[in-house]
N, C-alpha and C. Protein backbone atom coordinates (compact mmCIF):
# COMPACT_ATOMS: atom_id res chain seq x y z
N MET A 1 -8.14 -16.70 -9.11
CA MET A 1 -8.24 -18.17 -8.98
C MET A 1 -9.54 -18.37 -8.11
N ALA A 2 -10.15 -19.36 -8.46
CA ALA A 2 -11.52 -19.71 -7.91
C ALA A 2 -11.30 -20.16 -6.47
N HIS A 3 -12.22 -19.96 -5.58
CA HIS A 3 -12.16 -20.43 -4.18
C HIS A 3 -12.73 -21.88 -4.29
N ALA A 4 -12.04 -22.73 -3.40
CA ALA A 4 -12.51 -24.11 -3.23
C ALA A 4 -12.50 -24.42 -1.78
N SER A 5 -13.30 -23.70 -1.03
CA SER A 5 -13.38 -23.88 0.40
C SER A 5 -13.98 -25.28 0.77
N HIS A 6 -14.87 -25.66 -0.33
CA HIS A 6 -15.51 -26.93 0.00
C HIS A 6 -14.55 -28.27 -0.17
N ASP A 7 -13.39 -27.82 -0.80
CA ASP A 7 -12.47 -28.83 -1.05
C ASP A 7 -11.39 -29.09 -0.01
N ILE A 8 -11.47 -28.43 0.95
CA ILE A 8 -10.41 -28.53 2.20
C ILE A 8 -10.65 -29.89 2.89
N LEU A 9 -9.74 -30.75 2.80
CA LEU A 9 -9.87 -31.98 3.32
C LEU A 9 -9.83 -31.88 4.81
N ARG A 10 -10.51 -32.87 5.50
CA ARG A 10 -10.81 -32.89 6.94
C ARG A 10 -9.36 -32.99 7.58
N GLY A 11 -9.22 -32.11 8.46
CA GLY A 11 -7.83 -31.99 9.23
C GLY A 11 -6.85 -31.02 8.50
N THR A 12 -7.10 -30.70 7.23
CA THR A 12 -6.25 -29.72 6.60
C THR A 12 -6.58 -28.29 7.19
N LEU A 13 -7.74 -28.05 7.54
CA LEU A 13 -8.07 -26.77 7.93
C LEU A 13 -7.45 -26.45 9.41
N ASP A 14 -7.50 -27.35 10.24
CA ASP A 14 -6.83 -27.37 11.51
C ASP A 14 -5.25 -27.09 11.28
N LEU A 15 -4.52 -27.85 10.30
CA LEU A 15 -3.18 -27.44 9.95
C LEU A 15 -3.00 -25.97 9.65
N LEU A 16 -3.90 -25.60 8.62
CA LEU A 16 -3.82 -24.25 8.04
C LEU A 16 -3.98 -23.08 9.16
N VAL A 17 -4.99 -23.37 10.16
CA VAL A 17 -5.14 -22.50 11.21
C VAL A 17 -3.93 -22.34 12.24
N LEU A 18 -3.31 -23.75 12.48
CA LEU A 18 -2.16 -23.73 13.31
C LEU A 18 -1.02 -22.87 12.75
N LYS A 19 -0.82 -23.04 11.45
CA LYS A 19 0.17 -22.38 10.65
C LYS A 19 -0.06 -20.89 10.63
N ALA A 20 -1.22 -20.54 10.39
CA ALA A 20 -1.55 -18.99 10.36
C ALA A 20 -1.22 -18.34 11.80
N LEU A 21 -1.26 -19.10 12.87
CA LEU A 21 -1.03 -18.58 14.19
C LEU A 21 0.34 -18.52 14.50
N THR A 22 1.30 -19.02 13.55
CA THR A 22 2.69 -19.00 13.88
C THR A 22 3.37 -17.61 13.75
N TRP A 23 2.39 -16.81 13.13
CA TRP A 23 2.90 -15.44 12.81
C TRP A 23 2.51 -14.60 14.05
N GLY A 24 1.69 -15.00 15.08
CA GLY A 24 1.32 -14.28 16.19
C GLY A 24 -0.13 -14.46 16.49
N PRO A 25 -0.59 -14.07 17.54
CA PRO A 25 -2.04 -14.02 17.78
C PRO A 25 -2.97 -13.33 16.90
N SER A 26 -4.03 -13.86 16.54
CA SER A 26 -4.93 -13.29 15.44
C SER A 26 -6.36 -13.50 15.88
N HIS A 27 -7.28 -12.87 15.42
CA HIS A 27 -8.68 -12.99 15.55
C HIS A 27 -9.15 -13.92 14.39
N GLY A 28 -10.32 -14.54 14.43
CA GLY A 28 -10.72 -15.31 13.38
C GLY A 28 -10.76 -14.88 12.00
N TYR A 29 -11.13 -13.46 11.88
CA TYR A 29 -11.12 -12.87 10.51
C TYR A 29 -9.58 -12.89 9.98
N GLY A 30 -8.83 -12.57 10.96
CA GLY A 30 -7.39 -12.33 10.43
C GLY A 30 -6.86 -13.87 9.98
N VAL A 31 -7.21 -15.03 10.65
CA VAL A 31 -6.89 -16.25 10.29
C VAL A 31 -7.47 -16.61 8.81
N ALA A 32 -8.64 -16.21 8.83
CA ALA A 32 -9.27 -16.54 7.40
C ALA A 32 -8.53 -15.76 6.30
N GLN A 33 -8.34 -14.59 6.55
CA GLN A 33 -7.59 -13.71 5.63
C GLN A 33 -6.34 -14.24 5.37
N TRP A 34 -5.46 -14.68 6.27
CA TRP A 34 -4.14 -15.27 6.21
C TRP A 34 -4.31 -16.53 5.24
N ILE A 35 -5.23 -17.39 5.39
CA ILE A 35 -5.30 -18.52 4.63
C ILE A 35 -5.74 -18.17 3.22
N GLU A 36 -6.54 -17.24 2.95
CA GLU A 36 -6.94 -16.92 1.67
C GLU A 36 -5.77 -16.21 0.87
N HIS A 37 -5.08 -15.45 1.62
CA HIS A 37 -3.78 -14.73 1.05
C HIS A 37 -2.75 -15.85 0.70
N ALA A 38 -2.42 -16.69 1.71
CA ALA A 38 -1.38 -17.74 1.62
C ALA A 38 -1.54 -18.67 0.58
N THR A 39 -2.82 -18.94 0.20
CA THR A 39 -3.07 -19.96 -0.81
C THR A 39 -3.36 -19.25 -2.18
N GLY A 40 -3.04 -17.98 -2.29
CA GLY A 40 -3.22 -17.33 -3.46
C GLY A 40 -4.74 -17.17 -3.87
N ASP A 41 -5.59 -17.04 -2.92
CA ASP A 41 -7.04 -16.99 -3.06
C ASP A 41 -7.61 -18.32 -3.52
N ALA A 42 -6.87 -19.30 -3.39
CA ALA A 42 -7.49 -20.67 -3.93
C ALA A 42 -8.47 -21.24 -2.69
N LEU A 43 -8.17 -20.95 -1.57
CA LEU A 43 -8.90 -21.55 -0.45
C LEU A 43 -9.61 -20.39 0.30
N ALA A 44 -10.87 -20.43 0.56
CA ALA A 44 -11.60 -19.45 1.47
C ALA A 44 -12.23 -20.28 2.50
N VAL A 45 -12.00 -19.79 3.71
CA VAL A 45 -12.76 -20.49 4.78
C VAL A 45 -13.87 -19.63 5.33
N GLY A 46 -15.09 -20.26 5.42
CA GLY A 46 -16.37 -19.57 5.87
C GLY A 46 -16.23 -19.70 7.42
N GLU A 47 -17.03 -18.83 8.05
CA GLU A 47 -17.13 -18.72 9.55
C GLU A 47 -17.74 -20.20 10.11
N GLY A 48 -18.61 -20.78 9.20
CA GLY A 48 -19.21 -21.95 9.77
C GLY A 48 -18.20 -23.13 9.84
N SER A 49 -17.04 -22.99 9.29
CA SER A 49 -16.13 -23.98 9.34
C SER A 49 -14.89 -23.47 10.38
N LEU A 50 -14.55 -22.21 10.20
CA LEU A 50 -13.39 -21.68 10.91
C LEU A 50 -13.68 -21.58 12.32
N TYR A 51 -14.73 -21.13 12.83
CA TYR A 51 -14.89 -21.09 14.33
C TYR A 51 -15.22 -22.39 15.08
N PRO A 52 -15.77 -23.30 14.41
CA PRO A 52 -15.70 -24.76 14.96
C PRO A 52 -14.23 -25.19 15.18
N ALA A 53 -13.48 -24.90 14.15
CA ALA A 53 -12.17 -25.49 14.11
C ALA A 53 -11.33 -24.68 15.15
N LEU A 54 -11.43 -23.44 15.39
CA LEU A 54 -10.79 -22.67 16.53
C LEU A 54 -11.20 -23.33 17.86
N HIS A 55 -12.52 -23.50 18.00
CA HIS A 55 -12.98 -23.95 19.16
C HIS A 55 -12.42 -25.35 19.54
N ARG A 56 -12.36 -26.19 18.55
CA ARG A 56 -11.83 -27.57 18.66
C ARG A 56 -10.22 -27.50 18.90
N LEU A 57 -9.55 -26.70 18.33
CA LEU A 57 -8.09 -26.51 18.68
C LEU A 57 -8.02 -25.99 20.04
N GLU A 58 -8.80 -25.15 20.45
CA GLU A 58 -8.73 -24.54 21.83
C GLU A 58 -8.92 -25.69 22.83
N GLU A 59 -10.01 -26.55 22.61
CA GLU A 59 -10.36 -27.64 23.39
C GLU A 59 -9.19 -28.62 23.58
N ARG A 60 -8.32 -28.79 22.45
CA ARG A 60 -7.32 -29.70 22.52
C ARG A 60 -5.97 -29.08 23.13
N GLY A 61 -6.11 -27.71 23.46
CA GLY A 61 -5.03 -27.16 24.14
C GLY A 61 -3.82 -26.60 23.11
N TRP A 62 -4.26 -26.65 21.84
CA TRP A 62 -3.32 -26.24 20.77
C TRP A 62 -3.32 -24.80 20.54
N VAL A 63 -4.39 -24.15 20.86
CA VAL A 63 -4.51 -22.63 20.87
C VAL A 63 -5.07 -22.28 22.16
N SER A 64 -4.72 -20.89 22.53
CA SER A 64 -5.39 -20.33 23.55
C SER A 64 -6.21 -19.08 23.07
N ALA A 65 -7.13 -18.73 23.88
CA ALA A 65 -7.98 -17.53 23.40
C ALA A 65 -8.09 -16.59 24.52
N SER A 66 -8.05 -15.24 24.06
CA SER A 66 -8.34 -14.17 24.87
C SER A 66 -9.02 -13.01 24.30
N TRP A 67 -9.73 -12.22 25.07
CA TRP A 67 -10.45 -11.00 24.33
C TRP A 67 -9.49 -9.91 24.21
N GLY A 68 -9.65 -9.21 23.13
CA GLY A 68 -8.74 -7.95 22.86
C GLY A 68 -9.58 -6.90 22.00
N THR A 69 -9.09 -6.06 21.61
CA THR A 69 -9.44 -5.01 20.71
C THR A 69 -8.91 -5.08 19.24
N SER A 70 -9.67 -5.26 18.12
CA SER A 70 -9.24 -5.35 16.91
C SER A 70 -8.78 -4.06 16.35
N GLU A 71 -8.03 -4.08 15.39
CA GLU A 71 -7.50 -2.87 14.57
C GLU A 71 -8.75 -2.01 14.12
N ASN A 72 -9.96 -2.47 14.15
CA ASN A 72 -11.16 -1.64 13.79
C ASN A 72 -11.77 -1.19 15.06
N ASN A 73 -11.05 -1.36 16.14
CA ASN A 73 -11.62 -0.83 17.64
C ASN A 73 -12.84 -1.57 17.92
N ARG A 74 -12.88 -2.92 17.49
CA ARG A 74 -14.05 -3.70 18.03
C ARG A 74 -13.55 -4.74 18.87
N ARG A 75 -14.34 -5.21 19.81
CA ARG A 75 -13.99 -6.35 20.62
C ARG A 75 -13.79 -7.59 19.90
N ALA A 76 -12.68 -8.38 20.15
CA ALA A 76 -12.53 -9.59 19.20
C ALA A 76 -11.69 -10.66 20.04
N LYS A 77 -12.05 -11.80 19.80
CA LYS A 77 -11.35 -13.06 20.46
C LYS A 77 -10.11 -13.40 19.71
N TYR A 78 -9.01 -13.14 20.46
CA TYR A 78 -7.67 -13.51 19.71
C TYR A 78 -7.30 -14.91 20.13
N TYR A 79 -6.73 -15.66 19.06
CA TYR A 79 -6.13 -16.94 19.31
C TYR A 79 -4.65 -16.88 19.13
N ALA A 80 -4.00 -17.71 19.98
CA ALA A 80 -2.56 -17.87 19.98
C ALA A 80 -2.14 -19.27 19.99
N LEU A 81 -1.10 -19.63 19.34
CA LEU A 81 -0.56 -20.92 19.18
C LEU A 81 0.08 -21.19 20.58
N THR A 82 -0.22 -22.31 21.14
CA THR A 82 0.43 -22.82 22.52
C THR A 82 1.64 -23.81 22.15
N GLU A 83 2.37 -23.97 23.11
CA GLU A 83 3.62 -24.92 22.71
C GLU A 83 3.09 -26.21 22.27
N ARG A 84 2.03 -26.81 22.97
CA ARG A 84 1.44 -28.04 22.40
C ARG A 84 0.88 -27.92 21.00
N GLY A 85 0.35 -26.72 20.50
CA GLY A 85 -0.12 -26.54 19.27
C GLY A 85 1.18 -26.50 18.21
N ARG A 86 2.28 -25.93 18.76
CA ARG A 86 3.56 -25.77 17.93
C ARG A 86 4.14 -27.22 17.62
N VAL A 87 4.03 -28.09 18.71
CA VAL A 87 4.46 -29.41 18.52
C VAL A 87 3.42 -30.16 17.50
N GLN A 88 2.24 -30.03 17.60
CA GLN A 88 1.21 -30.62 16.73
C GLN A 88 1.33 -30.06 15.41
N LEU A 89 1.62 -28.87 15.16
CA LEU A 89 1.94 -28.19 13.93
C LEU A 89 3.05 -29.04 13.18
N THR A 90 4.08 -29.39 13.86
CA THR A 90 5.27 -30.10 13.27
C THR A 90 4.75 -31.55 12.86
N VAL A 91 4.07 -32.18 13.78
CA VAL A 91 3.49 -33.53 13.50
C VAL A 91 2.61 -33.57 12.26
N GLU A 92 1.44 -32.55 12.23
CA GLU A 92 0.54 -32.65 11.21
C GLU A 92 1.20 -32.14 9.86
N THR A 93 2.39 -31.40 9.93
CA THR A 93 2.94 -31.01 8.64
C THR A 93 3.51 -32.19 8.01
N ASP A 94 4.34 -32.95 8.85
CA ASP A 94 4.93 -34.13 8.37
C ASP A 94 3.92 -35.15 7.89
N ASN A 95 3.00 -35.36 8.59
CA ASN A 95 1.90 -36.08 8.11
C ASN A 95 1.29 -35.90 6.79
N TRP A 96 1.06 -34.57 6.54
CA TRP A 96 0.55 -33.90 5.39
C TRP A 96 1.44 -34.24 4.12
N ARG A 97 2.69 -33.93 4.58
CA ARG A 97 3.63 -34.01 3.36
C ARG A 97 3.81 -35.54 3.01
N ARG A 98 3.71 -36.41 3.98
CA ARG A 98 3.71 -37.80 3.54
C ARG A 98 2.45 -38.25 2.79
N TYR A 99 1.37 -37.61 3.13
CA TYR A 99 -0.04 -37.96 2.38
C TYR A 99 0.21 -37.37 0.99
N ALA A 100 0.56 -36.10 0.93
CA ALA A 100 0.65 -35.50 -0.39
C ALA A 100 1.70 -36.25 -1.29
N ALA A 101 2.80 -36.71 -0.75
CA ALA A 101 3.77 -37.50 -1.71
C ALA A 101 3.05 -38.84 -2.17
N ALA A 102 2.36 -39.36 -1.24
CA ALA A 102 1.73 -40.68 -1.66
C ALA A 102 0.70 -40.52 -2.86
N VAL A 103 0.03 -39.38 -2.64
CA VAL A 103 -1.02 -39.15 -3.62
C VAL A 103 -0.30 -38.74 -5.07
N PHE A 104 0.65 -37.89 -4.91
CA PHE A 104 1.43 -37.57 -6.09
C PHE A 104 2.18 -38.91 -6.80
N ALA A 105 2.68 -39.80 -5.93
CA ALA A 105 3.19 -41.09 -6.37
C ALA A 105 2.12 -41.78 -7.09
N ALA A 106 0.93 -41.89 -6.66
CA ALA A 106 -0.16 -42.46 -7.25
C ALA A 106 -0.46 -41.82 -8.68
N LEU A 107 -0.57 -40.51 -8.68
CA LEU A 107 -0.84 -39.77 -9.91
C LEU A 107 0.07 -39.98 -10.93
N ASP A 108 1.51 -40.05 -10.62
CA ASP A 108 2.47 -40.20 -11.41
C ASP A 108 2.82 -41.61 -11.79
N ALA A 109 2.09 -42.59 -11.25
CA ALA A 109 2.56 -44.03 -11.55
C ALA A 109 1.92 -44.47 -12.89
N PRO A 110 2.83 -45.36 -13.50
CA PRO A 110 2.33 -45.73 -14.89
C PRO A 110 1.01 -46.71 -14.69
N VAL A 111 0.31 -46.63 -15.85
CA VAL A 111 -0.85 -47.51 -15.97
C VAL A 111 -0.43 -48.97 -15.90
N LEU A 112 -1.13 -49.82 -15.04
CA LEU A 112 -0.86 -51.14 -15.15
C LEU A 112 -1.71 -51.80 -16.28
N ARG A 113 -1.18 -52.60 -17.12
CA ARG A 113 -1.81 -53.29 -18.26
C ARG A 113 -1.80 -54.70 -17.82
N GLU A 114 -2.90 -55.42 -18.07
CA GLU A 114 -3.09 -56.84 -17.74
C GLU A 114 -2.56 -57.64 -19.04
N GLY A 115 -1.94 -58.75 -18.82
CA GLY A 115 -1.70 -59.72 -19.97
C GLY A 115 -0.40 -59.25 -20.36
């Protein structure tokens, strides 16, 4: 399936990053890999989008960061979901589901005819 990283709606990347971290702390590359795998390779997140998102989520207190060693024995910054991030994930998931339902309702709506 083709990648569509340019099609990720604003705010959706934050939601996907929070979801990726529910499985435990991870470095940025691991988060990007999880998103790609979880979406069946439909979405790929580049470094230029991912790291600003991780930084933004850290500033909001939704993720915490600490340095560690990766599986390749490299120094890497690991991100973990905080309790505030877990709450925000629930809020954002509910919002996204309402949004998606509204878009599907519009797409399935009958065509209005005048007269």
